[in-house]
Amino acid sequence: MKATTTNFTATLVLAIILSLFLPWWSVMIAALATAIFIPMKRSAVFFVPFLAILLFWTMYSFILSSSNDYTLAKRIAILLPLGGNPFALMLVTGIVGGFAAGVTAIFGKQLRLVFKK
């Protein structure tokens, strides 16, 4: 339980810091680094970074979109099959980022196993 909380917090903090200086893929660096240095077991390797980045990207897109009354988010939600709902777009954004972080964390766990032998 302690490893999952530590990994969640470390992934979230590292992703926030890296996103200030790097492009969108910096969340994958955060998930990779925490998966290498904080060992996790089984499905938690995928789901903990997934949930951390899901939370981060959803909240970040909400903060950015609320400053302009969701104008751009509404227009993009119309282009995608989301019925013009900007909040559904924010959730989809979080899921995509979370999936990228989760897959990268699995790769980090495999790297840890390779270098451990």
PDB file of N, CA and C in Angstrom:
ATOM      1  N   MET A   1       0.824  -1.198   0.000  1.00  0.00           N
ATOM      2  CA  MET A   1       0.000   0.000   0.000  1.00  0.00           C
ATOM      3  C   MET A   1       0.863   1.255   0.000  1.00  0.00           C
ATOM      4  N   LYS A   2       1.960   1.219   0.722  1.00  0.00           N
ATOM      5  CA  LYS A   2       2.828   2.385   0.793  1.00  0.00           C
ATOM      6  C   LYS A   2       3.509   2.656  -0.547  1.00  0.00           C
ATOM      7  N   ALA A   3       3.866   1.587  -1.259  1.00  0.00           N
ATOM      8  CA  ALA A   3       4.513   1.757  -2.560  1.00  0.00           C
ATOM      9  C   ALA A   3       3.562   2.393  -3.564  1.00  0.00           C
ATOM     10  N   THR A   4       2.289   2.029  -3.511  1.00  0.00           N
ATOM     11  CA  THR A   4       1.342   2.615  -4.460  1.00  0.00           C
ATOM     12  C   THR A   4       1.123   4.101  -4.180  1.00  0.00           C
ATOM     13  N   THR A   5       1.021   4.465  -2.924  1.00  0.00           N
ATOM     14  CA  THR A   5       0.857   5.878  -2.575  1.00  0.00           C
ATOM     15  C   THR A   5       2.095   6.678  -2.948  1.00  0.00           C
ATOM     16  N   THR A   6       3.257   6.114  -2.680  1.00  0.00           N
ATOM     17  CA  THR A   6       4.507   6.789  -3.019  1.00  0.00           C
ATOM     18  C   THR A   6       4.645   6.944  -4.523  1.00  0.00           C
ATOM     19  N   ASN A   7       4.325   5.888  -5.267  1.00  0.00           N
ATOM     20  CA  ASN A   7       4.427   5.946  -6.718  1.00  0.00           C
ATOM     21  C   ASN A   7       3.435   6.943  -7.294  1.00  0.00           C
ATOM     22  N   PHE A   8       2.202   6.945  -6.785  1.00  0.00           N
ATOM     23  CA  PHE A   8       1.192   7.882  -7.257  1.00  0.00           C
ATOM     24  C   PHE A   8       1.643   9.323  -7.041  1.00  0.00           C
ATOM     25  N   THR A   9       2.096   9.612  -5.838  1.00  0.00           N
ATOM     26  CA  THR A   9       2.528  10.971  -5.510  1.00  0.00           C
ATOM     27  C   THR A   9       3.761  11.373  -6.310  1.00  0.00           C
ATOM     28  N   ALA A  10       4.732  10.477  -6.411  1.00  0.00           N
ATOM     29  CA  ALA A  10       5.952  10.793  -7.148  1.00  0.00           C
ATOM     30  C   ALA A  10       5.669  10.998  -8.634  1.00  0.00           C
ATOM     31  N   THR A  11       4.800  10.164  -9.201  1.00  0.00           N
ATOM     32  CA  THR A  11       4.446  10.329 -10.614  1.00  0.00           C
ATOM     33  C   THR A  11       3.742  11.653 -10.845  1.00  0.00           C
ATOM     34  N   LEU A  12       2.827  11.984  -9.976  1.00  0.00           N
ATOM     35  CA  LEU A  12       2.071  13.223 -10.117  1.00  0.00           C
ATOM     36  C   LEU A  12       2.975  14.449  -9.988  1.00  0.00           C
ATOM     37  N   VAL A  13       3.814  14.463  -8.965  1.00  0.00           N
ATOM     38  CA  VAL A  13       4.695  15.618  -8.748  1.00  0.00           C
ATOM     39  C   VAL A  13       5.723  15.741  -9.872  1.00  0.00           C
ATOM     40  N   LEU A  14       6.317  14.626 -10.260  1.00  0.00           N
ATOM     41  CA  LEU A  14       7.316  14.652 -11.327  1.00  0.00           C
ATOM     42  C   LEU A  14       6.689  15.064 -12.657  1.00  0.00           C
ATOM     43  N   ALA A  15       5.478  14.609 -12.928  1.00  0.00           N
ATOM     44  CA  ALA A  15       4.790  14.996 -14.163  1.00  0.00           C
ATOM     45  C   ALA A  15       4.483  16.484 -14.189  1.00  0.00           C
ATOM     46  N   ILE A  16       4.075  17.027 -13.050  1.00  0.00           N
ATOM     47  CA  ILE A  16       3.784  18.461 -12.986  1.00  0.00           C
ATOM     48  C   ILE A  16       5.049  19.271 -13.210  1.00  0.00           C
ATOM     49  N   ILE A  17       6.136  18.866 -12.581  1.00  0.00           N
ATOM     50  CA  ILE A  17       7.399  19.599 -12.735  1.00  0.00           C
ATOM     51  C   ILE A  17       7.917  19.496 -14.162  1.00  0.00           C
ATOM     52  N   LEU A  18       7.914  18.289 -14.716  1.00  0.00           N
ATOM     53  CA  LEU A  18       8.435  18.110 -16.070  1.00  0.00           C
ATOM     54  C   LEU A  18       7.567  18.794 -17.129  1.00  0.00           C
ATOM     55  N   SER A  19       6.270  18.863 -16.883  1.00  0.00           N
ATOM     56  CA  SER A  19       5.394  19.495 -17.869  1.00  0.00           C
ATOM     57  C   SER A  19       5.594  21.009 -17.955  1.00  0.00           C
ATOM     58  N   LEU A  20       6.273  21.574 -16.982  1.00  0.00           N
ATOM     59  CA  LEU A  20       6.580  23.007 -17.062  1.00  0.00           C
ATOM     60  C   LEU A  20       7.658  23.289 -18.105  1.00  0.00           C
ATOM     61  N   PHE A  21       8.513  22.290 -18.376  1.00  0.00           N
ATOM     62  CA  PHE A  21       9.659  22.512 -19.242  1.00  0.00           C
ATOM     63  C   PHE A  21       9.650  21.674 -20.521  1.00  0.00           C
ATOM     64  N   LEU A  22       8.928  20.584 -20.528  1.00  0.00           N
ATOM     65  CA  LEU A  22       8.947  19.651 -21.649  1.00  0.00           C
ATOM     66  C   LEU A  22       7.558  19.539 -22.275  1.00  0.00           C
ATOM     67  N   PRO A  23       7.475  18.959 -23.479  1.00  0.00           N
ATOM     68  CA  PRO A  23       6.164  18.774 -24.131  1.00  0.00           C
ATOM     69  C   PRO A  23       5.297  17.723 -23.434  1.00  0.00           C
ATOM     70  N   TRP A  24       4.221  17.345 -24.082  1.00  0.00           N
ATOM     71  CA  TRP A  24       3.220  16.453 -23.504  1.00  0.00           C
ATOM     72  C   TRP A  24       3.783  15.098 -23.087  1.00  0.00           C
ATOM     73  N   TRP A  25       4.802  14.627 -23.759  1.00  0.00           N
ATOM     74  CA  TRP A  25       5.341  13.301 -23.465  1.00  0.00           C
ATOM     75  C   TRP A  25       6.159  13.273 -22.179  1.00  0.00           C
ATOM     76  N   SER A  26       6.277  14.364 -21.491  1.00  0.00           N
ATOM     77  CA  SER A  26       7.012  14.380 -20.222  1.00  0.00           C
ATOM     78  C   SER A  26       6.325  13.527 -19.155  1.00  0.00           C
ATOM     79  N   VAL A  27       5.012  13.307 -19.289  1.00  0.00           N
ATOM     80  CA  VAL A  27       4.329  12.433 -18.337  1.00  0.00           C
ATOM     81  C   VAL A  27       4.825  10.995 -18.467  1.00  0.00           C
ATOM     82  N   MET A  28       5.250  10.627 -19.664  1.00  0.00           N
ATOM     83  CA  MET A  28       5.780   9.279 -19.856  1.00  0.00           C
ATOM     84  C   MET A  28       7.152   9.143 -19.203  1.00  0.00           C
ATOM     85  N   ILE A  29       7.923  10.191 -19.202  1.00  0.00           N
ATOM     86  CA  ILE A  29       9.212  10.167 -18.507  1.00  0.00           C
ATOM     87  C   ILE A  29       8.988  10.019 -17.003  1.00  0.00           C
ATOM     88  N   ALA A  30       7.997  10.722 -16.495  1.00  0.00           N
ATOM     89  CA  ALA A  30       7.679  10.630 -15.066  1.00  0.00           C
ATOM     90  C   ALA A  30       7.244   9.213 -14.698  1.00  0.00           C
ATOM     91  N   ALA A  31       6.393   8.604 -15.512  1.00  0.00           N
ATOM     92  CA  ALA A  31       5.926   7.237 -15.236  1.00  0.00           C
ATOM     93  C   ALA A  31       7.064   6.232 -15.359  1.00  0.00           C
ATOM     94  N   LEU A  32       7.935   6.427 -16.330  1.00  0.00           N
ATOM     95  CA  LEU A  32       9.083   5.535 -16.514  1.00  0.00           C
ATOM     96  C   LEU A  32      10.030   5.618 -15.319  1.00  0.00           C
ATOM     97  N   ALA A  33      10.335   6.819 -14.899  1.00  0.00           N
ATOM     98  CA  ALA A  33      11.274   6.999 -13.787  1.00  0.00           C
ATOM     99  C   ALA A  33      10.722   6.420 -12.484  1.00  0.00           C
ATOM    100  N   THR A  34       9.453   6.660 -12.213  1.00  0.00           N
ATOM    101  CA  THR A  34       8.904   6.140 -10.965  1.00  0.00           C
ATOM    102  C   THR A  34       8.744   4.624 -11.004  1.00  0.00           C
ATOM    103  N   ALA A  35       8.479   4.067 -12.177  1.00  0.00           N
ATOM    104  CA  ALA A  35       8.368   2.605 -12.278  1.00  0.00           C
ATOM    105  C   ALA A  35       9.725   1.938 -12.113  1.00  0.00           C
ATOM    106  N   ILE A  36      10.776   2.602 -12.532  1.00  0.00           N
ATOM    107  CA  ILE A  36      12.120   2.029 -12.383  1.00  0.00           C
ATOM    108  C   ILE A  36      12.569   2.105 -10.923  1.00  0.00           C
ATOM    109  N   PHE A  37      12.325   3.224 -10.263  1.00  0.00           N
ATOM    110  CA  PHE A  37      12.884   3.441  -8.935  1.00  0.00           C
ATOM    111  C   PHE A  37      11.970   3.028  -7.774  1.00  0.00           C
ATOM    112  N   ILE A  38      10.672   2.913  -8.026  1.00  0.00           N
ATOM    113  CA  ILE A  38       9.743   2.492  -6.973  1.00  0.00           C
ATOM    114  C   ILE A  38       9.079   1.195  -7.439  1.00  0.00           C
ATOM    115  N   PRO A  39       9.511   0.055  -6.913  1.00  0.00           N
ATOM    116  CA  PRO A  39       8.967  -1.223  -7.392  1.00  0.00           C
ATOM    117  C   PRO A  39       7.492  -1.406  -7.016  1.00  0.00           C
ATOM    118  N   MET A  40       6.746  -1.899  -7.974  1.00  0.00           N
ATOM    119  CA  MET A  40       5.318  -2.158  -7.773  1.00  0.00           C
ATOM    120  C   MET A  40       5.023  -3.586  -8.218  1.00  0.00           C
ATOM    121  N   LYS A  41       3.870  -4.094  -7.837  1.00  0.00           N
ATOM    122  CA  LYS A  41       3.510  -5.463  -8.181  1.00  0.00           C
ATOM    123  C   LYS A  41       2.271  -5.495  -9.070  1.00  0.00           C
ATOM    124  N   ARG A  42       2.259  -6.435  -9.955  1.00  0.00           N
ATOM    125  CA  ARG A  42       1.141  -6.818 -10.798  1.00  0.00           C
ATOM    126  C   ARG A  42       0.484  -5.650 -11.511  1.00  0.00           C
ATOM    127  N   SER A  43      -0.817  -5.552 -11.421  1.00  0.00           N
ATOM    128  CA  SER A  43      -1.550  -4.561 -12.197  1.00  0.00           C
ATOM    129  C   SER A  43      -1.361  -3.134 -11.671  1.00  0.00           C
ATOM    130  N   ALA A  44      -0.848  -2.992 -10.462  1.00  0.00           N
ATOM    131  CA  ALA A  44      -0.612  -1.652  -9.914  1.00  0.00           C
ATOM    132  C   ALA A  44       0.431  -0.901 -10.727  1.00  0.00           C
ATOM    133  N   VAL A  45       1.302  -1.635 -11.414  1.00  0.00           N
ATOM    134  CA  VAL A  45       2.324  -0.996 -12.246  1.00  0.00           C
ATOM    135  C   VAL A  45       1.660  -0.162 -13.329  1.00  0.00           C
ATOM    136  N   PHE A  46       0.558  -0.649 -13.879  1.00  0.00           N
ATOM    137  CA  PHE A  46      -0.160   0.099 -14.910  1.00  0.00           C
ATOM    138  C   PHE A  46      -1.124   1.117 -14.313  1.00  0.00           C
ATOM    139  N   PHE A  47      -1.927   0.689 -13.339  1.00  0.00           N
ATOM    140  CA  PHE A  47      -3.047   1.513 -12.889  1.00  0.00           C
ATOM    141  C   PHE A  47      -2.655   2.708 -12.026  1.00  0.00           C
ATOM    142  N   VAL A  48      -1.582   2.619 -11.269  1.00  0.00           N
ATOM    143  CA  VAL A  48      -1.202   3.758 -10.423  1.00  0.00           C
ATOM    144  C   VAL A  48      -0.738   4.949 -11.270  1.00  0.00           C
ATOM    145  N   PRO A  49       0.215   4.782 -12.217  1.00  0.00           N
ATOM    146  CA  PRO A  49       0.542   5.931 -13.082  1.00  0.00           C
ATOM    147  C   PRO A  49      -0.626   6.358 -13.967  1.00  0.00           C
ATOM    148  N   PHE A  50      -1.444   5.373 -14.391  1.00  0.00           N
ATOM    149  CA  PHE A  50      -2.624   5.700 -15.195  1.00  0.00           C
ATOM    150  C   PHE A  50      -3.528   6.673 -14.437  1.00  0.00           C
ATOM    151  N   LEU A  51      -3.828   6.362 -13.197  1.00  0.00           N
ATOM    152  CA  LEU A  51      -4.710   7.227 -12.407  1.00  0.00           C
ATOM    153  C   LEU A  51      -4.062   8.566 -12.070  1.00  0.00           C
ATOM    154  N   ALA A  52      -2.752   8.563 -11.836  1.00  0.00           N
ATOM    155  CA  ALA A  52      -2.057   9.818 -11.530  1.00  0.00           C
ATOM    156  C   ALA A  52      -2.115  10.787 -12.710  1.00  0.00           C
ATOM    157  N   ILE A  53      -1.830  10.287 -13.892  1.00  0.00           N
ATOM    158  CA  ILE A  53      -1.835  11.162 -15.072  1.00  0.00           C
ATOM    159  C   ILE A  53      -3.253  11.470 -15.523  1.00  0.00           C
ATOM    160  N   LEU A  54      -4.183  10.528 -15.330  1.00  0.00           N
ATOM    161  CA  LEU A  54      -5.586  10.819 -15.602  1.00  0.00           C
ATOM    162  C   LEU A  54      -6.044  12.006 -14.770  1.00  0.00           C
ATOM    163  N   LEU A  55      -5.731  11.991 -13.498  1.00  0.00           N
ATOM    164  CA  LEU A  55      -6.081  13.101 -12.612  1.00  0.00           C
ATOM    165  C   LEU A  55      -5.391  14.393 -13.047  1.00  0.00           C
ATOM    166  N   PHE A  56      -4.091  14.307 -13.336  1.00  0.00           N
ATOM    167  CA  PHE A  56      -3.327  15.496 -13.697  1.00  0.00           C
ATOM    168  C   PHE A  56      -3.845  16.123 -14.987  1.00  0.00           C
ATOM    169  N   TRP A  57      -3.977  15.326 -16.041  1.00  0.00           N
ATOM    170  CA  TRP A  57      -4.392  15.890 -17.324  1.00  0.00           C
ATOM    171  C   TRP A  57      -5.839  16.360 -17.309  1.00  0.00           C
ATOM    172  N   THR A  58      -6.701  15.665 -16.593  1.00  0.00           N
ATOM    173  CA  THR A  58      -8.095  16.104 -16.521  1.00  0.00           C
ATOM    174  C   THR A  58      -8.200  17.432 -15.789  1.00  0.00           C
ATOM    175  N   MET A  59      -7.521  17.540 -14.665  1.00  0.00           N
ATOM    176  CA  MET A  59      -7.568  18.798 -13.915  1.00  0.00           C
ATOM    177  C   MET A  59      -6.871  19.940 -14.666  1.00  0.00           C
ATOM    178  N   TYR A  60      -5.761  19.614 -15.314  1.00  0.00           N
ATOM    179  CA  TYR A  60      -5.030  20.648 -16.057  1.00  0.00           C
ATOM    180  C   TYR A  60      -5.854  21.162 -17.239  1.00  0.00           C
ATOM    181  N   SER A  61      -6.507  20.258 -17.960  1.00  0.00           N
ATOM    182  CA  SER A  61      -7.343  20.693 -19.081  1.00  0.00           C
ATOM    183  C   SER A  61      -8.567  21.464 -18.579  1.00  0.00           C
ATOM    184  N   PHE A  62      -9.092  21.080 -17.408  1.00  0.00           N
ATOM    185  CA  PHE A  62     -10.209  21.837 -16.824  1.00  0.00           C
ATOM    186  C   PHE A  62      -9.779  23.255 -16.474  1.00  0.00           C
ATOM    187  N   ILE A  63      -8.611  23.393 -15.863  1.00  0.00           N
ATOM    188  CA  ILE A  63      -8.119  24.720 -15.478  1.00  0.00           C
ATOM    189  C   ILE A  63      -7.869  25.585 -16.705  1.00  0.00           C
ATOM    190  N   LEU A  64      -7.246  24.993 -17.732  1.00  0.00           N
ATOM    191  CA  LEU A  64      -6.971  25.762 -18.946  1.00  0.00           C
ATOM    192  C   LEU A  64      -8.257  26.143 -19.676  1.00  0.00           C
ATOM    193  N   SER A  65      -9.215  25.230 -19.726  1.00  0.00           N
ATOM    194  CA  SER A  65     -10.455  25.494 -20.456  1.00  0.00           C
ATOM    195  C   SER A  65     -11.380  26.450 -19.712  1.00  0.00           C
ATOM    196  N   SER A  66     -11.356  26.415 -18.407  1.00  0.00           N
ATOM    197  CA  SER A  66     -12.258  27.295 -17.651  1.00  0.00           C
ATOM    198  C   SER A  66     -11.856  28.757 -17.773  1.00  0.00           C
ATOM    199  N   SER A  67     -10.616  29.008 -18.106  1.00  0.00           N
ATOM    200  CA  SER A  67     -10.187  30.407 -18.228  1.00  0.00           C
ATOM    201  C   SER A  67     -10.760  31.085 -19.472  1.00  0.00           C
ATOM    202  N   ASN A  68     -11.197  30.309 -20.471  1.00  0.00           N
ATOM    203  CA  ASN A  68     -11.787  30.921 -21.664  1.00  0.00           C
ATOM    204  C   ASN A  68     -13.225  30.444 -21.895  1.00  0.00           C
ATOM    205  N   ASP A  69     -13.890  30.051 -20.810  1.00  0.00           N
ATOM    206  CA  ASP A  69     -15.294  29.637 -20.834  1.00  0.00           C
ATOM    207  C   ASP A  69     -15.523  28.428 -21.755  1.00  0.00           C
ATOM    208  N   TYR A  70     -14.542  27.544 -21.823  1.00  0.00           N
ATOM    209  CA  TYR A  70     -14.616  26.280 -22.556  1.00  0.00           C
ATOM    210  C   TYR A  70     -14.865  26.458 -24.059  1.00  0.00           C
ATOM    211  N   THR A  71     -14.485  27.579 -24.617  1.00  0.00           N
ATOM    212  CA  THR A  71     -14.761  27.855 -26.022  1.00  0.00           C
ATOM    213  C   THR A  71     -14.068  26.862 -26.949  1.00  0.00           C
ATOM    214  N   LEU A  72     -12.767  26.701 -26.792  1.00  0.00           N
ATOM    215  CA  LEU A  72     -12.030  25.779 -27.663  1.00  0.00           C
ATOM    216  C   LEU A  72     -12.418  24.332 -27.386  1.00  0.00           C
ATOM    217  N   ALA A  73     -12.620  23.986 -26.130  1.00  0.00           N
ATOM    218  CA  ALA A  73     -13.008  22.615 -25.782  1.00  0.00           C
ATOM    219  C   ALA A  73     -14.357  22.255 -26.389  1.00  0.00           C
ATOM    220  N   LYS A  74     -15.292  23.185 -26.424  1.00  0.00           N
ATOM    221  CA  LYS A  74     -16.595  22.928 -27.038  1.00  0.00           C
ATOM    222  C   LYS A  74     -16.448  22.689 -28.532  1.00  0.00           C
ATOM    223  N   ARG A  75     -15.605  23.476 -29.165  1.00  0.00           N
ATOM    224  CA  ARG A  75     -15.426  23.326 -30.619  1.00  0.00           C
ATOM    225  C   ARG A  75     -14.738  22.010 -30.971  1.00  0.00           C
ATOM    226  N   ILE A  76     -13.764  21.620 -30.184  1.00  0.00           N
ATOM    227  CA  ILE A  76     -13.085  20.348 -30.444  1.00  0.00           C
ATOM    228  C   ILE A  76     -14.014  19.185 -30.117  1.00  0.00           C
ATOM    229  N   ALA A  77     -14.831  19.311 -29.098  1.00  0.00           N
ATOM    230  CA  ALA A  77     -15.789  18.260 -28.743  1.00  0.00           C
ATOM    231  C   ALA A  77     -16.849  18.083 -29.826  1.00  0.00           C
ATOM    232  N   ILE A  78     -17.122  19.136 -30.586  1.00  0.00           N
ATOM    233  CA  ILE A  78     -18.040  19.017 -31.715  1.00  0.00           C
ATOM    234  C   ILE A  78     -17.378  18.229 -32.844  1.00  0.00           C
ATOM    235  N   LEU A  79     -16.080  18.459 -33.057  1.00  0.00           N
ATOM    236  CA  LEU A  79     -15.361  17.738 -34.112  1.00  0.00           C
ATOM    237  C   LEU A  79     -15.257  16.241 -33.806  1.00  0.00           C
ATOM    238  N   LEU A  80     -15.065  15.916 -32.561  1.00  0.00           N
ATOM    239  CA  LEU A  80     -15.013  14.519 -32.142  1.00  0.00           C
ATOM    240  C   LEU A  80     -16.438  14.051 -31.819  1.00  0.00           C
ATOM    241  N   PRO A  81     -16.677  12.764 -31.820  1.00  0.00           N
ATOM    242  CA  PRO A  81     -18.051  12.302 -31.531  1.00  0.00           C
ATOM    243  C   PRO A  81     -18.379  12.348 -30.035  1.00  0.00           C
ATOM    244  N   LEU A  82     -18.340  13.539 -29.461  1.00  0.00           N
ATOM    245  CA  LEU A  82     -18.602  13.726 -28.027  1.00  0.00           C
ATOM    246  C   LEU A  82     -19.845  14.573 -27.787  1.00  0.00           C
ATOM    247  N   GLY A  83     -20.552  14.912 -28.836  1.00  0.00           N
ATOM    248  CA  GLY A  83     -21.782  15.683 -28.691  1.00  0.00           C
ATOM    249  C   GLY A  83     -21.567  17.110 -28.235  1.00  0.00           C
ATOM    250  N   GLY A  84     -20.383  17.642 -28.410  1.00  0.00           N
ATOM    251  CA  GLY A  84     -20.103  19.016 -28.000  1.00  0.00           C
ATOM    252  C   GLY A  84     -19.898  19.195 -26.515  1.00  0.00           C
ATOM    253  N   ASN A  85     -19.717  18.120 -25.777  1.00  0.00           N
ATOM    254  CA  ASN A  85     -19.539  18.194 -24.324  1.00  0.00           C
ATOM    255  C   ASN A  85     -18.060  18.402 -23.995  1.00  0.00           C
ATOM    256  N   PRO A  86     -17.674  19.575 -23.488  1.00  0.00           N
ATOM    257  CA  PRO A  86     -16.258  19.819 -23.199  1.00  0.00           C
ATOM    258  C   PRO A  86     -15.727  18.978 -22.048  1.00  0.00           C
ATOM    259  N   PHE A  87     -16.594  18.584 -21.121  1.00  0.00           N
ATOM    260  CA  PHE A  87     -16.148  17.772 -19.988  1.00  0.00           C
ATOM    261  C   PHE A  87     -15.836  16.341 -20.411  1.00  0.00           C
ATOM    262  N   ALA A  88     -16.565  15.838 -21.405  1.00  0.00           N
ATOM    263  CA  ALA A  88     -16.235  14.525 -21.967  1.00  0.00           C
ATOM    264  C   ALA A  88     -14.882  14.581 -22.667  1.00  0.00           C
ATOM    265  N   LEU A  89     -14.606  15.698 -23.323  1.00  0.00           N
ATOM    266  CA  LEU A  89     -13.298  15.877 -23.968  1.00  0.00           C
ATOM    267  C   LEU A  89     -12.183  15.899 -22.935  1.00  0.00           C
ATOM    268  N   MET A  90     -12.409  16.539 -21.807  1.00  0.00           N
ATOM    269  CA  MET A  90     -11.401  16.563 -20.742  1.00  0.00           C
ATOM    270  C   MET A  90     -11.151  15.167 -20.193  1.00  0.00           C
ATOM    271  N   LEU A  91     -12.207  14.383 -20.042  1.00  0.00           N
ATOM    272  CA  LEU A  91     -12.056  13.012 -19.575  1.00  0.00           C
ATOM    273  C   LEU A  91     -11.307  12.158 -20.588  1.00  0.00           C
ATOM    274  N   VAL A  92     -11.619  12.309 -21.861  1.00  0.00           N
ATOM    275  CA  VAL A  92     -10.913  11.568 -22.916  1.00  0.00           C
ATOM    276  C   VAL A  92      -9.440  11.964 -22.941  1.00  0.00           C
ATOM    277  N   THR A  93      -9.165  13.231 -22.752  1.00  0.00           N
ATOM    278  CA  THR A  93      -7.782  13.701 -22.692  1.00  0.00           C
ATOM    279  C   THR A  93      -7.031  13.034 -21.546  1.00  0.00           C
ATOM    280  N   GLY A  94      -7.650  12.966 -20.389  1.00  0.00           N
ATOM    281  CA  GLY A  94      -7.036  12.306 -19.237  1.00  0.00           C
ATOM    282  C   GLY A  94      -6.820  10.825 -19.466  1.00  0.00           C
ATOM    283  N   ILE A  95      -7.765  10.161 -20.113  1.00  0.00           N
ATOM    284  CA  ILE A  95      -7.636   8.728 -20.382  1.00  0.00           C
ATOM    285  C   ILE A  95      -6.490   8.450 -21.343  1.00  0.00           C
ATOM    286  N   VAL A  96      -6.359   9.264 -22.368  1.00  0.00           N
ATOM    287  CA  VAL A  96      -5.261   9.087 -23.331  1.00  0.00           C
ATOM    288  C   VAL A  96      -3.909   9.281 -22.645  1.00  0.00           C
ATOM    289  N   GLY A  97      -3.782  10.323 -21.847  1.00  0.00           N
ATOM    290  CA  GLY A  97      -2.534  10.548 -21.113  1.00  0.00           C
ATOM    291  C   GLY A  97      -2.254   9.454 -20.104  1.00  0.00           C
ATOM    292  N   GLY A  98      -3.287   8.998 -19.417  1.00  0.00           N
ATOM    293  CA  GLY A  98      -3.132   7.923 -18.450  1.00  0.00           C
ATOM    294  C   GLY A  98      -2.719   6.627 -19.093  1.00  0.00           C
ATOM    295  N   PHE A  99      -3.287   6.324 -20.260  1.00  0.00           N
ATOM    296  CA  PHE A  99      -2.912   5.111 -20.970  1.00  0.00           C
ATOM    297  C   PHE A  99      -1.444   5.161 -21.402  1.00  0.00           C
ATOM    298  N   ALA A 100      -1.006   6.317 -21.902  1.00  0.00           N
ATOM    299  CA  ALA A 100       0.401   6.464 -22.298  1.00  0.00           C
ATOM    300  C   ALA A 100       1.324   6.282 -21.096  1.00  0.00           C
ATOM    301  N   ALA A 101       0.950   6.842 -19.961  1.00  0.00           N
ATOM    302  CA  ALA A 101       1.772   6.709 -18.751  1.00  0.00           C
ATOM    303  C   ALA A 101       1.766   5.275 -18.234  1.00  0.00           C
ATOM    304  N   GLY A 102       0.626   4.606 -18.292  1.00  0.00           N
ATOM    305  CA  GLY A 102       0.543   3.229 -17.813  1.00  0.00           C
ATOM    306  C   GLY A 102       1.385   2.271 -18.639  1.00  0.00           C
ATOM    307  N   VAL A 103       1.328   2.413 -19.938  1.00  0.00           N
ATOM    308  CA  VAL A 103       2.135   1.555 -20.809  1.00  0.00           C
ATOM    309  C   VAL A 103       3.616   1.827 -20.603  1.00  0.00           C
ATOM    310  N   THR A 104       3.974   3.074 -20.429  1.00  0.00           N
ATOM    311  CA  THR A 104       5.370   3.416 -20.178  1.00  0.00           C
ATOM    312  C   THR A 104       5.841   2.885 -18.831  1.00  0.00           C
ATOM    313  N   ALA A 105       4.974   2.869 -17.846  1.00  0.00           N
ATOM    314  CA  ALA A 105       5.339   2.310 -16.540  1.00  0.00           C
ATOM    315  C   ALA A 105       5.579   0.805 -16.629  1.00  0.00           C
ATOM    316  N   ILE A 106       4.794   0.110 -17.447  1.00  0.00           N
ATOM    317  CA  ILE A 106       5.040  -1.315 -17.664  1.00  0.00           C
ATOM    318  C   ILE A 106       6.408  -1.514 -18.296  1.00  0.00           C
ATOM    319  N   PHE A 107       6.749  -0.659 -19.245  1.00  0.00           N
ATOM    320  CA  PHE A 107       8.076  -0.713 -19.861  1.00  0.00           C
ATOM    321  C   PHE A 107       9.164  -0.450 -18.822  1.00  0.00           C
ATOM    322  N   GLY A 108       8.938   0.487 -17.920  1.00  0.00           N
ATOM    323  CA  GLY A 108       9.897   0.769 -16.855  1.00  0.00           C
ATOM    324  C   GLY A 108      10.084  -0.413 -15.924  1.00  0.00           C
ATOM    325  N   LYS A 109       8.992  -1.105 -15.611  1.00  0.00           N
ATOM    326  CA  LYS A 109       9.089  -2.311 -14.776  1.00  0.00           C
ATOM    327  C   LYS A 109       9.904  -3.391 -15.482  1.00  0.00           C
ATOM    328  N   GLN A 110       9.706  -3.544 -16.792  1.00  0.00           N
ATOM    329  CA  GLN A 110      10.471  -4.536 -17.551  1.00  0.00           C
ATOM    330  C   GLN A 110      11.952  -4.144 -17.605  1.00  0.00           C
ATOM    331  N   LEU A 111      12.242  -2.871 -17.752  1.00  0.00           N
ATOM    332  CA  LEU A 111      13.641  -2.417 -17.723  1.00  0.00           C
ATOM    333  C   LEU A 111      14.273  -2.710 -16.365  1.00  0.00           C
ATOM    334  N   ARG A 112      13.526  -2.494 -15.309  1.00  0.00           N
ATOM    335  CA  ARG A 112      14.030  -2.779 -13.963  1.00  0.00           C
ATOM    336  C   ARG A 112      14.360  -4.270 -13.823  1.00  0.00           C
ATOM    337  N   LEU A 113      13.506  -5.117 -14.341  1.00  0.00           N
ATOM    338  CA  LEU A 113      13.747  -6.560 -14.264  1.00  0.00           C
ATOM    339  C   LEU A 113      14.951  -6.987 -15.091  1.00  0.00           C
ATOM    340  N   VAL A 114      15.124  -6.374 -16.248  1.00  0.00           N
ATOM    341  CA  VAL A 114      16.266  -6.709 -17.120  1.00  0.00           C
ATOM    342  C   VAL A 114      17.582  -6.297 -16.468  1.00  0.00           C
ATOM    343  N   PHE A 115      17.615  -5.112 -15.925  1.00  0.00           N
ATOM    344  CA  PHE A 115      18.863  -4.615 -15.333  1.00  0.00           C
ATOM    345  C   PHE A 115      19.140  -5.228 -13.956  1.00  0.00           C
ATOM    346  N   LYS A 116      18.122  -5.804 -13.338  1.00  0.00           N
ATOM    347  CA  LYS A 116      18.298  -6.432 -12.039  1.00  0.00           C
ATOM    348  C   LYS A 116      19.037  -7.758 -12.174  1.00  0.00           C
ATOM    349  N   LYS A 117      18.852  -8.436 -13.309  1.00  0.00           N
ATOM    350  CA  LYS A 117      19.487  -9.747 -13.508  1.00  0.00           C
ATOM    351  C   LYS A 117      20.937  -9.658 -13.855  1.00  0.00           C
TER     352      LYS A 117
END
